[in-house]
Amino acid sequence: MKIIVHDNGLLDRKDMEALASEIPAFCWKPVDVFIAYSISGNQLLMSYHKRKRIFGIHIPDTYAGTRSSLLKELVVTLQAVGDYGVIPNNLTPLKVQKYLQNWEKFANAKSI
């Protein structure tokens, strides 16, 4: 997987390489290129280009969340992309709970 990280104030390339090795392989299956960069505003955004298999995380300059909360949102979104082939507009609370449980099982096993 190719990783591109622009200065975003929260994650750097080293962080992303570590995350890529920590996150289960099934989450990264639909992604060949991962891009992280900052944007103006206050809302965390994620994008996915199915044909080019590019996943982008757009971190706002004013993001108030933690690295851990960002990681959870990332893992939920990656699992949704794996299931649906796109980032769905809405996920049911049950689906989000399932994705978080998948992450927590993995995180506990890896002590992340």
Protein backbone atom coordinates (compact mmCIF):
# COMPACT_ATOMS: atom_id res chain seq x y z
CA MET A 1 0.00 0.00 0.00
CA LYS A 2 1.17 3.49 -0.82
CA ILE A 3 0.88 6.01 2.02
CA ILE A 4 0.86 9.76 1.42
CA VAL A 5 0.70 12.08 4.40
CA HIS A 6 0.59 15.85 4.15
CA ASP A 7 1.13 17.94 7.27
CA ASN A 8 -2.09 17.61 9.23
CA GLY A 9 -1.10 18.28 12.83
CA LEU A 10 -2.34 14.91 14.14
CA LEU A 11 -0.77 12.09 12.14
CA ASP A 12 2.57 11.90 10.39
CA ARG A 13 3.95 9.31 7.97
CA LYS A 14 5.51 7.27 10.76
CA ASP A 15 2.14 7.17 12.57
CA MET A 16 0.36 6.06 9.40
CA GLU A 17 2.88 3.31 8.68
CA ALA A 18 2.43 2.07 12.25
CA LEU A 19 -1.35 2.24 11.92
CA ALA A 20 -1.23 0.34 8.64
CA SER A 21 0.67 -2.43 10.35
CA GLU A 22 -1.64 -2.39 13.42
CA ILE A 23 -5.01 -2.32 11.68
CA PRO A 24 -6.22 -5.76 10.54
CA ALA A 25 -5.47 -6.60 6.92
CA PHE A 26 -9.17 -7.10 6.13
CA CYS A 27 -9.71 -3.38 6.73
CA TRP A 28 -7.13 -2.39 4.11
CA LYS A 29 -8.23 -4.94 1.49
CA PRO A 30 -10.09 -2.42 -0.74
CA VAL A 31 -7.32 0.23 -0.49
CA ASP A 32 -4.12 0.57 -2.53
CA VAL A 33 -3.39 4.23 -1.72
CA PHE A 34 -3.99 5.98 1.60
CA ILE A 35 -3.83 9.77 1.75
CA ALA A 36 -4.04 11.91 4.91
CA TYR A 37 -4.03 15.69 4.90
CA SER A 38 -5.44 18.71 6.66
CA ILE A 39 -8.36 20.82 5.53
CA SER A 40 -9.92 24.00 6.80
CA GLY A 41 -13.10 23.68 8.78
CA ASN A 42 -14.09 21.59 11.76
CA GLN A 43 -15.48 18.32 10.35
CA LEU A 44 -13.45 15.15 9.84
CA LEU A 45 -14.09 13.80 6.33
CA MET A 46 -13.18 10.57 4.61
CA SER A 47 -13.34 9.74 0.93
CA TYR A 48 -12.95 6.64 -1.19
CA HIS A 49 -12.38 6.34 -4.95
CA LYS A 50 -13.39 2.78 -5.78
CA ARG A 51 -11.88 2.49 -9.26
CA LYS A 52 -8.48 3.86 -8.21
CA ARG A 53 -8.73 2.25 -4.73
CA ILE A 54 -7.74 5.50 -3.00
CA PHE A 55 -8.86 6.22 0.55
CA GLY A 56 -8.49 9.74 1.90
CA ILE A 57 -8.81 11.09 5.39
CA HIS A 58 -9.24 14.84 5.55
CA ILE A 59 -8.39 16.11 9.03
CA PRO A 60 -9.63 19.61 9.90
CA ASP A 61 -7.20 22.16 11.30
CA THR A 62 -9.48 22.51 14.31
CA TYR A 63 -10.06 18.78 14.93
CA ALA A 64 -10.73 18.39 18.65
CA GLY A 65 -10.66 14.58 18.77
CA THR A 66 -7.82 12.35 19.85
CA ARG A 67 -5.64 10.06 17.79
CA SER A 68 -7.60 7.15 19.27
CA SER A 69 -11.00 8.54 18.26
CA LEU A 70 -9.64 9.24 14.78
CA LEU A 71 -8.40 5.66 14.53
CA LYS A 72 -11.81 4.28 15.56
CA GLU A 73 -13.58 6.35 12.92
CA LEU A 74 -11.03 5.26 10.35
CA VAL A 75 -11.46 1.56 11.15
CA VAL A 76 -15.27 1.78 11.08
CA THR A 77 -15.18 3.54 7.71
CA LEU A 78 -12.66 1.10 6.22
CA GLN A 79 -14.80 -1.86 7.28
CA ALA A 80 -17.86 -0.21 5.72
CA VAL A 81 -15.94 0.30 2.47
CA GLY A 82 -15.01 -3.39 2.56
CA ASP A 83 -18.66 -4.38 3.01
CA TYR A 84 -20.33 -1.91 0.66
CA GLY A 85 -17.61 -0.89 -1.81
CA VAL A 86 -18.30 2.77 -0.97
CA ILE A 87 -18.52 4.96 2.11
CA PRO A 88 -22.22 4.64 2.95
CA ASN A 89 -24.23 7.77 3.76
CA ASN A 90 -25.65 6.16 6.88
CA LEU A 91 -24.72 3.15 8.94
CA THR A 92 -27.12 1.56 11.36
CA PRO A 93 -26.08 1.72 14.99
CA LEU A 94 -25.95 -2.10 14.96
CA LYS A 95 -23.46 -2.07 12.07
CA VAL A 96 -21.28 0.55 13.77
CA GLN A 97 -21.37 -1.53 16.97
CA LYS A 98 -20.29 -4.62 14.99
CA TYR A 99 -17.39 -2.74 13.39
CA LEU A 100 -16.28 -1.35 16.76
CA GLN A 101 -16.45 -4.82 18.30
CA ASN A 102 -14.27 -6.16 15.46
CA TRP A 103 -11.78 -3.39 16.19
CA GLU A 104 -11.86 -3.90 19.96
CA LYS A 105 -11.27 -7.65 19.63
CA PHE A 106 -8.25 -6.91 17.47
CA ALA A 107 -7.01 -4.01 19.61
CA ASN A 108 -7.27 -6.08 22.79
CA ALA A 109 -5.41 -8.95 21.18
CA LYS A 110 -2.66 -6.56 20.02
CA SER A 111 -2.79 -4.36 23.17
CA ILE A 112 -3.26 -1.21 21.12
